[in-house]
Amino acid sequence: MFSSDIDFSVLEERIRYVFRNEELLKIALRHKSALEGKDGSCNDKLEWLGDAVVGFFVTDYLFRHYDKPRSWLSLTKSKWVSEECLAYLARKIELAKFIELGKGEERSGGREKDSILASSLEALAGAVFVDSSSYEETKKVLKTIFCEAGDIDSLNLSVNY
């Protein structure tokens, strides 16, 4: 499936954010396998940015909402930013439907791989940050994903500390 064939309005409704630059959203959801020798951009750089954005959001959220010791905050942060958790959240918003994959990755079940789902969610966060030019807007989107769609507080993830 090519990103030009995808209707992103459903995803935008789920995350409660409409992109000003839809090309940025397409890039955020284009896995490197989709390029397969073609020119273009994939989500690697937005994933890198999104990793930092998600990490900051989780840190800020935990700091403001929990009066717990630093050790608890650190363990909880590592759980919430883990591949397992991010993939869970990506599944909750059905992100896999919108990811552009290469044929080989598609055949091998790439849409269900935690690594692809988690990295795509991070890239989505990075794209919202760039598109909105605002941490406050990005925070609203991440709060929707983490707290409403994902009900993150009730998760019992199998992270080994």
N, C-alpha and C. Protein backbone atom coordinates (compact mmCIF):
# COMPACT_ATOMS: atom_id res chain seq x y z
N MET A 1 0.85 -1.17 0.00
CA MET A 1 0.00 0.00 0.00
C MET A 1 0.89 1.24 0.00
N PHE A 2 0.63 2.14 -0.91
CA PHE A 2 1.41 3.36 -0.99
C PHE A 2 0.70 4.47 -0.24
N SER A 3 1.47 5.36 0.36
CA SER A 3 0.88 6.41 1.19
C SER A 3 -0.08 7.30 0.41
N SER A 4 0.07 7.38 -0.91
CA SER A 4 -0.86 8.19 -1.69
C SER A 4 -2.25 7.56 -1.73
N ASP A 5 -2.35 6.26 -1.43
CA ASP A 5 -3.63 5.55 -1.43
C ASP A 5 -4.30 5.54 -0.06
N ILE A 6 -3.68 6.09 0.94
CA ILE A 6 -4.17 6.00 2.31
C ILE A 6 -4.94 7.26 2.69
N ASP A 7 -6.10 7.05 3.32
CA ASP A 7 -6.88 8.17 3.86
C ASP A 7 -6.46 8.34 5.32
N PHE A 8 -5.70 9.38 5.58
CA PHE A 8 -5.18 9.61 6.93
C PHE A 8 -6.17 10.29 7.85
N SER A 9 -7.33 10.70 7.34
CA SER A 9 -8.29 11.43 8.17
C SER A 9 -8.76 10.61 9.37
N VAL A 10 -8.86 9.30 9.21
CA VAL A 10 -9.28 8.44 10.33
C VAL A 10 -8.23 8.49 11.44
N LEU A 11 -6.97 8.40 11.06
CA LEU A 11 -5.90 8.47 12.05
C LEU A 11 -5.88 9.85 12.71
N GLU A 12 -6.01 10.89 11.91
CA GLU A 12 -6.01 12.24 12.45
C GLU A 12 -7.16 12.43 13.45
N GLU A 13 -8.27 11.83 13.16
CA GLU A 13 -9.41 11.90 14.09
C GLU A 13 -9.08 11.17 15.39
N ARG A 14 -8.44 10.02 15.29
CA ARG A 14 -8.08 9.23 16.48
C ARG A 14 -7.11 9.97 17.39
N ILE A 15 -6.17 10.66 16.78
CA ILE A 15 -5.16 11.35 17.59
C ILE A 15 -5.55 12.81 17.86
N ARG A 16 -6.66 13.22 17.29
CA ARG A 16 -7.20 14.58 17.47
C ARG A 16 -6.21 15.66 17.01
N TYR A 17 -5.62 15.39 15.86
CA TYR A 17 -4.69 16.37 15.28
C TYR A 17 -4.76 16.26 13.76
N VAL A 18 -4.94 17.38 13.09
CA VAL A 18 -4.96 17.42 11.64
C VAL A 18 -3.66 18.06 11.17
N PHE A 19 -2.94 17.34 10.35
CA PHE A 19 -1.66 17.83 9.85
C PHE A 19 -1.84 18.97 8.87
N ARG A 20 -1.04 19.99 9.04
CA ARG A 20 -0.99 21.09 8.07
C ARG A 20 -0.24 20.62 6.82
N ASN A 21 0.80 19.82 7.05
CA ASN A 21 1.63 19.29 5.98
C ASN A 21 1.45 17.77 5.94
N GLU A 22 0.55 17.30 5.08
CA GLU A 22 0.26 15.86 5.02
C GLU A 22 1.48 15.05 4.57
N GLU A 23 2.35 15.68 3.80
CA GLU A 23 3.57 14.97 3.36
C GLU A 23 4.42 14.55 4.56
N LEU A 24 4.45 15.38 5.58
CA LEU A 24 5.18 15.06 6.80
C LEU A 24 4.59 13.81 7.46
N LEU A 25 3.28 13.70 7.48
CA LEU A 25 2.61 12.52 8.03
C LEU A 25 2.94 11.29 7.20
N LYS A 26 2.93 11.42 5.90
CA LYS A 26 3.27 10.29 5.02
C LYS A 26 4.69 9.79 5.29
N ILE A 27 5.62 10.73 5.43
CA ILE A 27 7.01 10.36 5.70
C ILE A 27 7.11 9.67 7.07
N ALA A 28 6.38 10.19 8.05
CA ALA A 28 6.42 9.60 9.40
C ALA A 28 5.99 8.15 9.40
N LEU A 29 5.12 7.80 8.47
CA LEU A 29 4.59 6.44 8.44
C LEU A 29 5.15 5.61 7.29
N ARG A 30 6.25 6.08 6.70
CA ARG A 30 6.92 5.33 5.64
C ARG A 30 8.15 4.63 6.21
N HIS A 31 8.04 3.33 6.35
CA HIS A 31 9.16 2.52 6.83
C HIS A 31 10.25 2.48 5.76
N LYS A 32 11.49 2.35 6.18
CA LYS A 32 12.60 2.36 5.22
C LYS A 32 12.48 1.27 4.16
N SER A 33 11.81 0.17 4.48
CA SER A 33 11.64 -0.90 3.51
C SER A 33 10.77 -0.47 2.32
N ALA A 34 9.95 0.55 2.50
CA ALA A 34 9.07 1.01 1.43
C ALA A 34 9.85 1.67 0.30
N LEU A 35 11.04 2.14 0.60
CA LEU A 35 11.83 2.81 -0.44
C LEU A 35 12.44 1.80 -1.40
N GLU A 36 12.95 0.68 -0.90
CA GLU A 36 13.51 -0.41 -1.71
C GLU A 36 14.13 0.08 -3.03
N GLY A 37 15.18 0.87 -2.90
CA GLY A 37 15.90 1.35 -4.08
C GLY A 37 15.32 2.59 -4.72
N LYS A 38 14.23 3.11 -4.18
CA LYS A 38 13.61 4.32 -4.72
C LYS A 38 14.13 5.53 -3.97
N ASP A 39 14.04 6.67 -4.60
CA ASP A 39 14.37 7.92 -3.93
C ASP A 39 13.20 8.32 -3.04
N GLY A 40 13.53 9.03 -1.99
CA GLY A 40 12.48 9.50 -1.10
C GLY A 40 12.95 9.48 0.33
N SER A 41 12.04 9.83 1.20
CA SER A 41 12.36 9.90 2.62
C SER A 41 11.56 8.85 3.38
N CYS A 42 12.20 8.31 4.40
CA CYS A 42 11.51 7.39 5.29
C CYS A 42 11.45 8.02 6.68
N ASN A 43 10.92 7.29 7.64
CA ASN A 43 10.65 7.86 8.96
C ASN A 43 11.82 7.85 9.94
N ASP A 44 13.00 7.46 9.52
CA ASP A 44 14.13 7.33 10.45
C ASP A 44 14.42 8.61 11.25
N LYS A 45 14.51 9.72 10.56
CA LYS A 45 14.86 10.97 11.24
C LYS A 45 13.72 11.44 12.16
N LEU A 46 12.48 11.30 11.71
CA LEU A 46 11.35 11.67 12.57
C LEU A 46 11.23 10.72 13.77
N GLU A 47 11.60 9.48 13.58
CA GLU A 47 11.62 8.52 14.70
C GLU A 47 12.63 8.97 15.75
N TRP A 48 13.79 9.40 15.30
CA TRP A 48 14.84 9.88 16.20
C TRP A 48 14.33 11.06 17.03
N LEU A 49 13.70 12.01 16.37
CA LEU A 49 13.13 13.16 17.08
C LEU A 49 12.00 12.72 18.00
N GLY A 50 11.13 11.88 17.49
CA GLY A 50 9.98 11.41 18.25
C GLY A 50 10.37 10.65 19.50
N ASP A 51 11.47 9.95 19.46
CA ASP A 51 11.97 9.25 20.64
C ASP A 51 12.21 10.24 21.78
N ALA A 52 12.83 11.36 21.44
CA ALA A 52 13.09 12.40 22.44
C ALA A 52 11.79 13.07 22.90
N VAL A 53 10.89 13.32 21.98
CA VAL A 53 9.62 13.97 22.31
C VAL A 53 8.79 13.08 23.23
N VAL A 54 8.69 11.81 22.90
CA VAL A 54 7.93 10.86 23.73
C VAL A 54 8.59 10.74 25.11
N GLY A 55 9.90 10.64 25.13
CA GLY A 55 10.61 10.57 26.41
C GLY A 55 10.36 11.78 27.29
N PHE A 56 10.38 12.96 26.69
CA PHE A 56 10.11 14.17 27.45
C PHE A 56 8.67 14.22 27.92
N PHE A 57 7.73 13.85 27.05
CA PHE A 57 6.32 13.84 27.44
C PHE A 57 6.10 12.92 28.64
N VAL A 58 6.63 11.72 28.59
CA VAL A 58 6.43 10.76 29.68
C VAL A 58 7.07 11.28 30.96
N THR A 59 8.27 11.84 30.87
CA THR A 59 8.94 12.40 32.03
C THR A 59 8.11 13.53 32.64
N ASP A 60 7.65 14.43 31.82
CA ASP A 60 6.83 15.55 32.26
C ASP A 60 5.52 15.06 32.89
N TYR A 61 4.87 14.11 32.24
CA TYR A 61 3.60 13.57 32.74
C TYR A 61 3.78 12.91 34.11
N LEU A 62 4.79 12.08 34.22
CA LEU A 62 5.02 11.40 35.50
C LEU A 62 5.36 12.40 36.61
N PHE A 63 6.18 13.38 36.28
CA PHE A 63 6.56 14.40 37.26
C PHE A 63 5.35 15.14 37.79
N ARG A 64 4.45 15.49 36.89
CA ARG A 64 3.28 16.30 37.27
C ARG A 64 2.15 15.49 37.92
N HIS A 65 2.06 14.19 37.63
CA HIS A 65 0.90 13.41 38.07
C HIS A 65 1.18 12.41 39.19
N TYR A 66 2.43 12.20 39.53
CA TYR A 66 2.74 11.18 40.54
C TYR A 66 3.71 11.73 41.57
N ASP A 67 3.33 11.64 42.81
CA ASP A 67 4.22 12.02 43.91
C ASP A 67 4.91 10.74 44.41
N LYS A 68 5.87 10.30 43.64
CA LYS A 68 6.57 9.05 43.90
C LYS A 68 8.08 9.31 43.93
N PRO A 69 8.82 8.38 44.51
CA PRO A 69 10.28 8.55 44.52
C PRO A 69 10.87 8.43 43.11
N ARG A 70 12.05 8.99 42.99
CA ARG A 70 12.74 9.00 41.70
C ARG A 70 12.89 7.59 41.12
N SER A 71 13.18 6.61 41.96
CA SER A 71 13.36 5.24 41.47
C SER A 71 12.09 4.74 40.80
N TRP A 72 10.93 5.01 41.41
CA TRP A 72 9.65 4.59 40.82
C TRP A 72 9.41 5.32 39.51
N LEU A 73 9.68 6.63 39.51
CA LEU A 73 9.49 7.42 38.29
C LEU A 73 10.36 6.90 37.15
N SER A 74 11.60 6.57 37.46
CA SER A 74 12.52 6.07 36.43
C SER A 74 12.07 4.72 35.88
N LEU A 75 11.66 3.83 36.76
CA LEU A 75 11.21 2.51 36.32
C LEU A 75 9.93 2.63 35.48
N THR A 76 9.03 3.49 35.92
CA THR A 76 7.79 3.67 35.18
C THR A 76 8.05 4.31 33.82
N LYS A 77 8.95 5.29 33.80
CA LYS A 77 9.29 5.91 32.52
C LYS A 77 9.86 4.87 31.56
N SER A 78 10.77 4.04 32.04
CA SER A 78 11.37 3.05 31.15
C SER A 78 10.32 2.07 30.64
N LYS A 79 9.31 1.78 31.44
CA LYS A 79 8.22 0.91 31.00
C LYS A 79 7.39 1.60 29.93
N TRP A 80 7.03 2.86 30.18
CA TRP A 80 6.13 3.57 29.27
C TRP A 80 6.76 3.93 27.93
N VAL A 81 8.08 4.05 27.88
CA VAL A 81 8.74 4.36 26.60
C VAL A 81 9.32 3.10 25.95
N SER A 82 9.04 1.94 26.52
CA SER A 82 9.57 0.70 25.97
C SER A 82 8.92 0.36 24.63
N GLU A 83 9.60 -0.45 23.87
CA GLU A 83 9.07 -0.92 22.59
C GLU A 83 7.72 -1.62 22.79
N GLU A 84 7.64 -2.41 23.84
CA GLU A 84 6.41 -3.14 24.13
C GLU A 84 5.23 -2.19 24.34
N CYS A 85 5.44 -1.17 25.14
CA CYS A 85 4.38 -0.21 25.43
C CYS A 85 4.01 0.61 24.20
N LEU A 86 5.00 1.10 23.49
CA LEU A 86 4.73 1.92 22.31
C LEU A 86 4.01 1.11 21.23
N ALA A 87 4.38 -0.16 21.09
CA ALA A 87 3.69 -1.02 20.12
C ALA A 87 2.24 -1.25 20.57
N TYR A 88 2.04 -1.43 21.86
CA TYR A 88 0.69 -1.58 22.40
C TYR A 88 -0.16 -0.35 22.06
N LEU A 89 0.39 0.83 22.28
CA LEU A 89 -0.33 2.07 21.99
C LEU A 89 -0.59 2.22 20.49
N ALA A 90 0.38 1.84 19.67
CA ALA A 90 0.20 1.89 18.22
C ALA A 90 -0.96 0.98 17.81
N ARG A 91 -1.06 -0.17 18.43
CA ARG A 91 -2.17 -1.08 18.13
C ARG A 91 -3.50 -0.48 18.57
N LYS A 92 -3.52 0.21 19.70
CA LYS A 92 -4.75 0.80 20.21
C LYS A 92 -5.32 1.84 19.23
N ILE A 93 -4.45 2.56 18.54
CA ILE A 93 -4.93 3.55 17.57
C ILE A 93 -4.92 3.00 16.14
N GLU A 94 -4.66 1.70 16.03
CA GLU A 94 -4.64 1.00 14.74
C GLU A 94 -3.69 1.65 13.74
N LEU A 95 -2.51 1.97 14.23
CA LEU A 95 -1.51 2.65 13.41
C LEU A 95 -1.02 1.79 12.25
N ALA A 96 -1.02 0.47 12.43
CA ALA A 96 -0.50 -0.44 11.40
C ALA A 96 -1.19 -0.24 10.05
N LYS A 97 -2.46 0.13 10.06
CA LYS A 97 -3.22 0.33 8.81
C LYS A 97 -2.64 1.45 7.96
N PHE A 98 -1.89 2.34 8.59
CA PHE A 98 -1.42 3.55 7.90
C PHE A 98 0.06 3.51 7.56
N ILE A 99 0.77 2.47 7.96
CA ILE A 99 2.21 2.38 7.73
C ILE A 99 2.48 1.86 6.32
N GLU A 100 3.37 2.54 5.64
CA GLU A 100 3.79 2.11 4.30
C GLU A 100 5.03 1.24 4.44
N LEU A 101 4.91 -0.01 3.98
CA LEU A 101 6.00 -0.98 4.07
C LEU A 101 6.41 -1.43 2.68
N GLY A 102 7.63 -1.95 2.58
CA GLY A 102 8.07 -2.58 1.36
C GLY A 102 7.43 -3.95 1.22
N LYS A 103 7.49 -4.52 0.02
CA LYS A 103 6.84 -5.81 -0.24
C LYS A 103 7.37 -6.92 0.67
N GLY A 104 8.67 -6.97 0.85
CA GLY A 104 9.26 -8.02 1.69
C GLY A 104 8.82 -7.91 3.13
N GLU A 105 8.82 -6.70 3.66
CA GLU A 105 8.40 -6.48 5.05
C GLU A 105 6.91 -6.77 5.19
N GLU A 106 6.15 -6.43 4.19
CA GLU A 106 4.71 -6.71 4.19
C GLU A 106 4.47 -8.22 4.25
N ARG A 107 5.20 -8.96 3.41
CA ARG A 107 5.03 -10.43 3.37
C ARG A 107 5.46 -11.09 4.67
N SER A 108 6.44 -10.51 5.34
CA SER A 108 6.96 -11.14 6.56
C SER A 108 6.20 -10.70 7.82
N GLY A 109 5.08 -10.04 7.65
CA GLY A 109 4.26 -9.65 8.80
C GLY A 109 4.73 -8.40 9.50
N GLY A 110 5.33 -7.49 8.78
CA GLY A 110 5.88 -6.27 9.36
C GLY A 110 4.88 -5.42 10.12
N ARG A 111 3.64 -5.46 9.71
CA ARG A 111 2.61 -4.64 10.39
C ARG A 111 2.37 -5.07 11.82
N GLU A 112 2.77 -6.28 12.17
CA GLU A 112 2.56 -6.77 13.53
C GLU A 112 3.84 -6.75 14.38
N LYS A 113 4.94 -6.34 13.79
CA LYS A 113 6.21 -6.32 14.53
C LYS A 113 6.23 -5.14 15.51
N ASP A 114 6.52 -5.46 16.77
CA ASP A 114 6.59 -4.41 17.78
C ASP A 114 7.57 -3.31 17.39
N SER A 115 8.70 -3.70 16.82
CA SER A 115 9.73 -2.71 16.50
C SER A 115 9.22 -1.70 15.47
N ILE A 116 8.50 -2.16 14.46
CA ILE A 116 7.98 -1.27 13.43
C ILE A 116 6.86 -0.40 13.99
N LEU A 117 5.98 -1.00 14.78
CA LEU A 117 4.88 -0.24 15.37
C LEU A 117 5.40 0.84 16.31
N ALA A 118 6.35 0.48 17.17
CA ALA A 118 6.90 1.44 18.13
C ALA A 118 7.64 2.57 17.43
N SER A 119 8.46 2.23 16.45
CA SER A 119 9.21 3.27 15.75
C SER A 119 8.28 4.17 14.94
N SER A 120 7.21 3.62 14.41
CA SER A 120 6.25 4.43 13.67
C SER A 120 5.51 5.39 14.60
N LEU A 121 5.20 4.93 15.80
CA LEU A 121 4.55 5.82 16.77
C LEU A 121 5.49 6.96 17.17
N GLU A 122 6.76 6.65 17.37
CA GLU A 122 7.73 7.69 17.67
C GLU A 122 7.85 8.68 16.51
N ALA A 123 7.88 8.17 15.29
CA ALA A 123 7.97 9.04 14.12
C ALA A 123 6.72 9.93 14.01
N LEU A 124 5.57 9.36 14.35
CA LEU A 124 4.34 10.14 14.35
C LEU A 124 4.43 11.29 15.36
N ALA A 125 4.95 11.00 16.54
CA ALA A 125 5.13 12.05 17.56
C ALA A 125 6.10 13.12 17.06
N GLY A 126 7.18 12.70 16.43
CA GLY A 126 8.12 13.66 15.87
C GLY A 126 7.49 14.52 14.79
N ALA A 127 6.65 13.91 13.96
CA ALA A 127 5.99 14.64 12.88
C ALA A 127 4.99 15.66 13.44
N VAL A 128 4.26 15.28 14.49
CA VAL A 128 3.34 16.23 15.11
C VAL A 128 4.11 17.42 15.67
N PHE A 129 5.24 17.13 16.31
CA PHE A 129 6.07 18.19 16.89
C PHE A 129 6.56 19.16 15.81
N VAL A 130 7.03 18.62 14.70
CA VAL A 130 7.53 19.47 13.61
C VAL A 130 6.37 20.22 12.96
N ASP A 131 5.28 19.54 12.69
CA ASP A 131 4.15 20.14 11.99
C ASP A 131 3.50 21.25 12.82
N SER A 132 3.37 21.02 14.11
CA SER A 132 2.70 22.00 14.97
C SER A 132 3.64 23.10 15.46
N SER A 133 4.94 22.84 15.45
CA SER A 133 5.93 23.76 16.01
C SER A 133 5.61 24.09 17.46
N SER A 134 5.00 23.13 18.16
CA SER A 134 4.56 23.40 19.52
C SER A 134 4.60 22.14 20.37
N TYR A 135 5.30 22.22 21.50
CA TYR A 135 5.27 21.10 22.43
C TYR A 135 3.87 20.95 23.02
N GLU A 136 3.17 22.06 23.25
CA GLU A 136 1.82 21.99 23.85
C GLU A 136 0.87 21.21 22.95
N GLU A 137 0.92 21.44 21.64
CA GLU A 137 0.08 20.67 20.71
C GLU A 137 0.48 19.20 20.71
N THR A 138 1.77 18.96 20.70
CA THR A 138 2.28 17.59 20.71
C THR A 138 1.87 16.88 21.99
N LYS A 139 1.93 17.59 23.10
CA LYS A 139 1.54 17.03 24.39
C LYS A 139 0.07 16.61 24.37
N LYS A 140 -0.79 17.40 23.76
CA LYS A 140 -2.22 17.04 23.66
C LYS A 140 -2.39 15.73 22.89
N VAL A 141 -1.67 15.61 21.79
CA VAL A 141 -1.76 14.40 20.97
C VAL A 141 -1.25 13.19 21.77
N LEU A 142 -0.11 13.34 22.41
CA LEU A 142 0.45 12.23 23.17
C LEU A 142 -0.43 11.87 24.37
N LYS A 143 -1.05 12.87 24.97
CA LYS A 143 -1.97 12.59 26.07
C LYS A 143 -3.16 11.78 25.55
N THR A 144 -3.65 12.11 24.38
CA THR A 144 -4.73 11.34 23.76
C THR A 144 -4.30 9.89 23.55
N ILE A 145 -3.11 9.70 23.01
CA ILE A 145 -2.62 8.36 22.71
C ILE A 145 -2.32 7.58 23.99
N PHE A 146 -1.58 8.18 24.90
CA PHE A 146 -1.15 7.48 26.11
C PHE A 146 -2.28 7.30 27.13
N CYS A 147 -3.03 8.35 27.37
CA CYS A 147 -3.97 8.35 28.50
C CYS A 147 -5.39 7.96 28.12
N GLU A 148 -5.82 8.34 26.95
CA GLU A 148 -7.20 8.04 26.57
C GLU A 148 -7.28 6.76 25.75
N ALA A 149 -6.59 6.73 24.63
CA ALA A 149 -6.63 5.54 23.78
C ALA A 149 -5.94 4.36 24.46
N GLY A 150 -4.82 4.64 25.10
CA GLY A 150 -4.02 3.56 25.66
C GLY A 150 -4.28 3.23 27.11
N ASP A 151 -4.94 4.13 27.85
CA ASP A 151 -5.17 3.94 29.28
C ASP A 151 -3.90 3.43 29.96
N ILE A 152 -2.83 4.16 29.76
CA ILE A 152 -1.49 3.75 30.16
C ILE A 152 -1.36 3.45 31.66
N ASP A 153 -2.13 4.14 32.48
CA ASP A 153 -2.01 3.93 33.93
C ASP A 153 -2.38 2.51 34.35
N SER A 154 -3.21 1.85 33.56
CA SER A 154 -3.66 0.52 33.95
C SER A 154 -2.82 -0.60 33.34
N LEU A 155 -1.81 -0.26 32.59
CA LEU A 155 -0.99 -1.28 31.94
C LEU A 155 -0.13 -2.06 32.92
N ASN A 156 0.00 -3.32 32.66
CA ASN A 156 0.92 -4.18 33.39
C ASN A 156 1.84 -4.83 32.38
N LEU A 157 2.89 -4.12 32.02
CA LEU A 157 3.80 -4.60 31.00
C LEU A 157 4.86 -5.51 31.59
N SER A 158 5.38 -6.38 30.75
CA SER A 158 6.34 -7.38 31.22
C SER A 158 7.77 -6.91 31.06
N VAL A 159 8.04 -5.69 31.44
CA VAL A 159 9.39 -5.15 31.31
C VAL A 159 10.25 -5.69 32.44
N ASN A 160 11.43 -6.16 32.08
CA ASN A 160 12.36 -6.70 33.08
C ASN A 160 13.35 -5.62 33.46
N TYR A 161 13.26 -5.15 34.69
CA TYR A 161 14.15 -4.10 35.14
C TYR A 161 15.44 -4.68 35.67
